[in-house]
N, C-alpha and C. Protein backbone atom coordinates (compact mmCIF):
# COMPACT_ATOMS: atom_id res chain seq x y z
N MET A 1 14.51 -6.97 -2.73
CA MET A 1 13.40 -6.19 -1.93
C MET A 1 13.57 -4.29 -2.28
N LEU A 2 15.02 -4.22 -2.59
CA LEU A 2 15.06 -2.90 -2.96
C LEU A 2 14.70 -2.35 -4.72
N VAL A 3 14.76 -3.28 -5.12
CA VAL A 3 14.57 -2.88 -6.45
C VAL A 3 13.04 -2.52 -6.37
N VAL A 4 12.00 -3.37 -5.70
CA VAL A 4 10.44 -3.06 -5.26
C VAL A 4 10.05 -1.72 -4.57
N VAL A 5 11.22 -1.23 -3.75
CA VAL A 5 10.71 -0.17 -2.97
C VAL A 5 11.33 1.45 -3.68
N GLU A 6 12.28 0.94 -4.37
CA GLU A 6 12.96 1.82 -5.43
C GLU A 6 11.87 2.08 -6.59
N ARG A 7 11.26 0.97 -7.28
CA ARG A 7 10.31 1.11 -8.01
C ARG A 7 9.06 1.88 -7.85
N LEU A 8 8.55 1.59 -6.59
CA LEU A 8 7.40 2.17 -6.06
C LEU A 8 7.61 3.60 -5.73
N ARG A 9 8.63 4.17 -5.51
CA ARG A 9 9.01 5.34 -4.91
C ARG A 9 8.78 6.15 -6.15
N ARG A 10 9.50 5.57 -7.02
CA ARG A 10 9.61 6.10 -8.52
C ARG A 10 8.12 6.45 -9.44
N GLN A 11 7.36 5.38 -8.94
CA GLN A 11 5.79 5.23 -9.45
C GLN A 11 4.99 6.02 -8.85
N LEU A 12 4.98 6.34 -7.36
CA LEU A 12 4.01 7.25 -6.48
C LEU A 12 4.96 8.74 -6.72
N SER A 13 6.39 8.95 -7.19
CA SER A 13 6.75 10.39 -7.01
C SER A 13 6.11 10.92 -8.30
N GLY A 14 5.50 10.28 -9.26
CA GLY A 14 5.04 10.72 -10.22
C GLY A 14 3.46 10.86 -10.08
N GLN A 15 2.95 10.98 -9.19
CA GLN A 15 1.62 10.85 -8.48
C GLN A 15 1.19 12.12 -7.85
N GLU A 16 1.93 13.00 -7.56
CA GLU A 16 1.93 14.11 -6.55
C GLU A 16 0.36 14.62 -6.82
N ARG A 17 0.20 14.82 -8.03
CA ARG A 17 -1.34 15.53 -8.10
C ARG A 17 -2.52 14.68 -7.54
N GLN A 18 -2.60 13.59 -8.22
CA GLN A 18 -3.39 12.94 -7.50
C GLN A 18 -3.69 12.76 -6.35
N LEU A 19 -2.44 12.50 -5.35
CA LEU A 19 -2.34 12.60 -3.93
C LEU A 19 -2.96 13.94 -3.25
N GLN A 20 -2.63 14.70 -4.06
CA GLN A 20 -3.10 16.12 -3.52
C GLN A 20 -4.58 16.15 -3.68
N HIS A 21 -4.89 15.90 -4.81
CA HIS A 21 -6.47 15.76 -5.05
C HIS A 21 -7.29 14.71 -3.85
N PHE A 22 -6.31 13.72 -3.68
CA PHE A 22 -7.19 13.09 -2.73
C PHE A 22 -7.60 13.68 -1.62
N SER A 23 -6.27 14.48 -1.03
CA SER A 23 -6.40 15.07 0.17
C SER A 23 -7.32 15.99 0.47
N GLU A 24 -7.26 16.76 -0.75
CA GLU A 24 -8.41 17.83 -0.97
C GLU A 24 -9.65 17.66 -1.03
N ARG A 25 -10.00 16.30 -1.47
CA ARG A 25 -11.57 15.87 -1.41
C ARG A 25 -11.52 15.10 -0.26
N GLN A 26 -10.43 15.11 1.19
CA GLN A 26 -10.65 14.26 2.08
C GLN A 26 -10.92 12.84 1.92
N TYR A 27 -10.04 12.20 0.95
CA TYR A 27 -10.16 10.93 0.34
C TYR A 27 -9.28 9.98 0.81
N GLN A 28 -9.29 8.51 1.72
CA GLN A 28 -8.14 7.81 1.66
C GLN A 28 -8.14 6.79 0.52
N ALA A 29 -7.12 6.61 -0.11
CA ALA A 29 -6.88 6.46 -1.11
C ALA A 29 -6.10 4.40 -1.27
N GLU A 30 -6.48 4.49 -0.34
CA GLU A 30 -5.88 2.57 -0.16
C GLU A 30 -6.24 1.78 -1.14
N GLY A 31 -7.03 2.00 -2.04
CA GLY A 31 -7.39 1.09 -2.81
C GLY A 31 -6.63 1.64 -4.07
N TRP A 32 -6.45 2.73 -4.39
CA TRP A 32 -5.91 3.60 -5.44
C TRP A 32 -4.35 3.06 -5.33
N ILE A 33 -3.69 2.93 -4.45
CA ILE A 33 -2.51 2.74 -4.02
C ILE A 33 -2.24 1.19 -4.27
N LYS A 34 -3.10 0.34 -3.42
CA LYS A 34 -3.11 -1.15 -3.60
C LYS A 34 -3.01 -1.33 -5.22
N ALA A 35 -4.01 -1.21 -6.08
CA ALA A 35 -4.04 -1.44 -7.22
C ALA A 35 -3.07 -1.11 -8.02
N GLY A 36 -2.20 0.26 -7.70
CA GLY A 36 -1.04 0.40 -8.28
C GLY A 36 0.15 -0.19 -8.30
N PHE A 37 0.41 -0.77 -6.61
CA PHE A 37 1.39 -1.65 -6.10
C PHE A 37 1.17 -2.99 -6.85
N LEU A 38 0.07 -3.41 -6.64
CA LEU A 38 -0.22 -4.89 -7.56
C LEU A 38 0.29 -4.83 -8.91
N GLN A 39 -0.33 -3.74 -9.47
CA GLN A 39 0.56 -3.80 -11.17
C GLN A 39 2.01 -3.61 -10.99
N LEU A 40 2.49 -2.86 -10.03
CA LEU A 40 4.05 -2.68 -10.23
C LEU A 40 4.59 -4.08 -9.77
N LEU A 41 3.92 -4.91 -8.61
CA LEU A 41 4.77 -6.20 -8.65
C LEU A 41 4.10 -7.09 -9.65
N ASP A 42 3.35 -7.21 -10.51
CA ASP A 42 2.94 -8.06 -11.78
C ASP A 42 3.90 -7.88 -12.96
N GLU A 43 4.29 -6.71 -13.18
CA GLU A 43 5.49 -6.36 -14.01
C GLU A 43 6.98 -6.95 -13.60
N LEU A 44 7.09 -6.55 -12.02
CA LEU A 44 8.24 -7.16 -11.86
C LEU A 44 8.22 -8.67 -12.00
N LYS A 45 7.11 -9.33 -11.75
CA LYS A 45 7.10 -10.44 -11.61
C LYS A 45 7.25 -11.36 -13.04
N GLU A 46 6.77 -10.13 -14.29
CA GLU A 46 7.07 -10.56 -15.79
C GLU A 46 8.40 -10.67 -15.74
N GLN A 47 9.29 -9.61 -15.21
CA GLN A 47 10.47 -9.60 -15.67
C GLN A 47 11.50 -10.75 -14.73
N GLY A 48 10.75 -11.23 -14.00
CA GLY A 48 11.64 -12.40 -13.20
C GLY A 48 12.26 -11.78 -12.10
N LEU A 49 12.07 -10.61 -11.50
CA LEU A 49 12.64 -9.54 -10.16
C LEU A 49 11.96 -10.41 -9.17
N VAL A 50 10.38 -10.27 -9.22
CA VAL A 50 9.74 -11.26 -8.31
C VAL A 50 8.74 -12.10 -8.59
N GLU A 51 9.30 -13.51 -7.23
CA GLU A 51 8.76 -14.53 -7.78
C GLU A 51 7.18 -15.32 -7.54
N SER A 52 6.62 -13.98 -6.31
CA SER A 52 5.04 -14.59 -6.43
C SER A 52 4.29 -13.35 -5.96
N VAL A 53 3.38 -13.17 -6.34
CA VAL A 53 2.45 -11.89 -5.69
C VAL A 53 1.21 -12.70 -5.29
N GLU A 54 0.57 -12.44 -3.96
CA GLU A 54 -0.78 -12.52 -3.79
C GLU A 54 -1.44 -11.23 -3.10
N ARG A 55 -2.57 -11.21 -3.11
CA ARG A 55 -3.33 -9.98 -2.64
C ARG A 55 -4.49 -10.92 -1.44
N GLU A 56 -4.62 -9.94 -0.20
CA GLU A 56 -5.44 -10.55 0.47
C GLU A 56 -5.49 -11.96 1.19
N LYS A 57 -3.99 -11.76 1.43
CA LYS A 57 -3.88 -12.97 1.87
C LYS A 57 -3.98 -13.29 3.65
N LEU A 58 -4.85 -14.48 3.87
CA LEU A 58 -5.27 -15.07 5.18
C LEU A 58 -3.87 -15.09 5.87
N CYS A 59 -3.88 -14.62 7.36
CA CYS A 59 -3.02 -14.49 8.36
C CYS A 59 -3.29 -14.95 9.67
N GLY A 60 -2.62 -15.30 10.22
CA GLY A 60 -2.91 -15.60 11.45
C GLY A 60 -4.11 -16.42 11.59
N ARG A 61 -4.76 -16.12 12.42
CA ARG A 61 -6.09 -17.04 13.04
C ARG A 61 -7.53 -16.02 12.67
N GLY A 62 -8.59 -16.82 12.11
CA GLY A 62 -9.92 -16.77 11.80
C GLY A 62 -9.53 -15.65 10.55
N ARG A 63 -10.38 -14.61 9.85
CA ARG A 63 -10.09 -14.08 8.69
C ARG A 63 -9.61 -12.68 8.60
N GLU A 64 -8.59 -12.69 9.61
CA GLU A 64 -7.65 -11.37 9.24
C GLU A 64 -6.73 -11.85 8.17
N LYS A 65 -6.70 -10.65 7.30
CA LYS A 65 -6.02 -11.43 5.86
C LYS A 65 -5.02 -9.64 5.45
N VAL A 66 -3.87 -9.72 5.40
CA VAL A 66 -2.89 -8.62 4.86
C VAL A 66 -3.28 -8.26 3.04
N ASP A 67 -2.74 -7.07 3.28
CA ASP A 67 -3.33 -6.59 1.55
C ASP A 67 -2.27 -7.35 0.76
N VAL A 68 -1.16 -7.30 0.74
CA VAL A 68 -0.20 -8.10 -0.36
C VAL A 68 1.18 -9.08 0.27
N VAL A 69 1.08 -9.77 -0.57
CA VAL A 69 2.48 -10.69 0.11
C VAL A 69 2.97 -11.18 -1.56
N PHE A 70 4.29 -10.68 -1.50
CA PHE A 70 5.43 -11.33 -2.57
C PHE A 70 6.43 -11.67 -1.87
N GLN A 71 7.08 -12.33 -3.30
CA GLN A 71 8.56 -12.89 -2.60
C GLN A 71 9.40 -12.83 -3.63
N VAL A 72 10.70 -12.01 -3.12
CA VAL A 72 11.78 -12.08 -4.03
C VAL A 72 13.33 -12.67 -3.37
N ARG A 73 13.68 -13.50 -4.11
CA ARG A 73 14.54 -14.04 -3.60
C ARG A 73 14.60 -15.24 -2.62
N GLY A 74 13.59 -15.76 -2.62
CA GLY A 74 12.82 -16.74 -1.44
C GLY A 74 12.61 -16.26 -0.37
N VAL A 75 12.37 -14.80 -0.12
CA VAL A 75 11.73 -14.24 1.11
C VAL A 75 10.78 -13.80 0.81
N ARG A 76 9.61 -14.21 1.60
CA ARG A 76 8.31 -13.74 1.95
C ARG A 76 8.14 -12.04 2.26
N HIS A 77 7.32 -11.64 1.45
CA HIS A 77 7.18 -9.68 2.18
C HIS A 77 5.69 -9.63 2.24
N TRP A 78 5.48 -9.42 3.77
CA TRP A 78 3.92 -8.81 3.75
C TRP A 78 3.64 -7.90 3.87
N VAL A 79 2.69 -7.46 3.45
CA VAL A 79 2.69 -5.76 3.28
C VAL A 79 1.37 -5.72 3.51
N GLU A 80 0.86 -4.51 4.64
CA GLU A 80 -0.54 -4.26 4.97
C GLU A 80 -0.32 -2.48 4.52
N LEU A 81 -1.08 -2.17 3.34
CA LEU A 81 -1.19 -0.94 3.37
C LEU A 81 -1.97 0.00 3.95
N LYS A 82 -1.54 1.42 4.16
CA LYS A 82 -2.52 2.24 4.86
C LYS A 82 -2.33 3.99 4.26
N HIS A 83 -3.28 4.49 4.10
CA HIS A 83 -3.29 5.57 3.64
C HIS A 83 -3.72 6.97 4.69
N TRP A 84 -2.78 7.32 5.48
CA TRP A 84 -3.13 8.00 6.33
C TRP A 84 -3.53 9.61 5.97
N LEU A 85 -4.53 9.98 6.37
CA LEU A 85 -5.16 11.18 5.55
C LEU A 85 -5.62 12.14 7.18
N ILE A 86 -4.05 12.85 7.07
CA ILE A 86 -4.16 13.48 8.31
C ILE A 86 -4.43 15.23 7.93
N GLY A 87 -5.31 15.73 8.63
CA GLY A 87 -5.91 16.90 8.55
C GLY A 87 -7.58 16.63 8.76
N PRO A 88 -8.22 17.67 8.02
CA PRO A 88 -9.62 17.41 8.03
C PRO A 88 -10.06 16.20 7.18
N GLN A 89 -11.32 15.58 7.37
CA GLN A 89 -12.08 14.95 6.97
C GLN A 89 -13.66 14.58 7.23
N LYS A 90 -14.35 15.26 6.84
CA LYS A 90 -15.77 14.99 6.83
C LYS A 90 -15.99 15.54 8.45
N GLY A 91 -15.60 16.90 8.85
CA GLY A 91 -15.80 17.27 9.97
C GLY A 91 -15.24 16.90 11.23
N THR A 92 -13.86 16.17 10.47
CA THR A 92 -13.52 15.28 12.13
C THR A 92 -11.58 15.91 11.87
N VAL A 93 -10.77 16.28 12.24
CA VAL A 93 -9.66 16.71 12.03
C VAL A 93 -8.99 15.55 12.57
N TRP A 94 -7.99 14.79 11.78
CA TRP A 94 -7.43 13.43 12.31
C TRP A 94 -5.93 14.13 12.67
N LYS A 95 -5.39 13.16 13.71
CA LYS A 95 -4.11 13.74 13.50
C LYS A 95 -3.40 12.00 13.59
N LEU A 96 -2.13 12.07 13.52
CA LEU A 96 -1.34 10.63 13.46
C LEU A 96 -1.61 10.20 14.53
N PRO A 97 -1.57 10.24 16.08
CA PRO A 97 -1.86 9.30 17.06
C PRO A 97 -3.26 8.87 17.02
N ALA A 98 -4.09 9.27 16.49
CA ALA A 98 -5.45 8.89 16.32
C ALA A 98 -5.41 7.32 15.54
N TYR A 99 -4.47 6.93 14.77
CA TYR A 99 -4.27 5.90 14.12
C TYR A 99 -3.61 4.45 14.61
N PHE A 100 -3.22 5.05 15.82
CA PHE A 100 -2.59 4.15 16.29
C PHE A 100 -3.40 3.97 17.72
N ALA A 101 -4.66 4.44 18.16
CA ALA A 101 -5.51 4.03 19.57
C ALA A 101 -5.68 2.27 19.32
N GLY A 102 -5.81 2.13 20.49
CA GLY A 102 -5.87 0.73 20.83
C GLY A 102 -4.95 -0.54 19.99
N THR A 103 -3.70 0.21 20.06
CA THR A 103 -2.69 -0.76 19.62
C THR A 103 -1.77 -1.20 20.27
């Protein structure tokens, strides 16, 4: 799992300009982040470091899904990605507690 986290950190650390642009445009970039994460996991799978990768995996009851599920050394990791835009967005100022309302 640590190799996945380290590689994701390195991948995102080279993307500050894009992330700054998303912030300036008041855009939440979950899809962009998910696509990059899936690409990274597929590369790690080709290298034999990740055993399996699934996206939009059903979990729980009903139609609830998690963004990404991957397996490393027999352990499944379930990941729900969120890009929190803190600050102004289309006339509303978002603060961190707003993302946890109703939980």
